[in-house]
């Protein structure tokens, strides 16, 4: 993926992804440069959107800003987003750079931390709560234990997991 077009405009890549409210996302990209002008800039950007497509939260992280990075050397840049707001249904994950040929590769987006959407229907609701309750007070030494429901990873499905779920 290539960046700017030499005329000062930003260029880059973006993808809309379904998100789960309350979940943060790890976002990474490999980037390098060629021929930056004197004030380079490239950013990682996450725009969380509601059902109407309106942006309700934006997270950004600088890749390059203000100084010329070493050209032709690939480096990995990463960020973890804020948790998706309660009204978020999608997010646009993007990398952008201004004039001077920023190059992007291997963009990765994954959910970070515990995911209480146990049935993967993109909604955390009573169906997920029912699954959590079916393993209530089960610990890692028992055959019924499933680490998916141990949201705080302490080895037992207990009140702290319910608090994270809520």
Foldseek 3Di string as FASTA:
>chain_A
DKFADQPFDKGWDKDKDFAAAQWKKKKKKKKFFAADDQWKWKKKKKFFAAPVRDGDDMDMDTPDGRHHDDGPDIDMDMDIGGGRHPRGGMMMIIMMITPGMMDIDDIDMDTDAADLPVVPPSYQDVVSVVVLVVQAFPFQVDPPDDCNQVRVPPGTSYDVSVVSSD
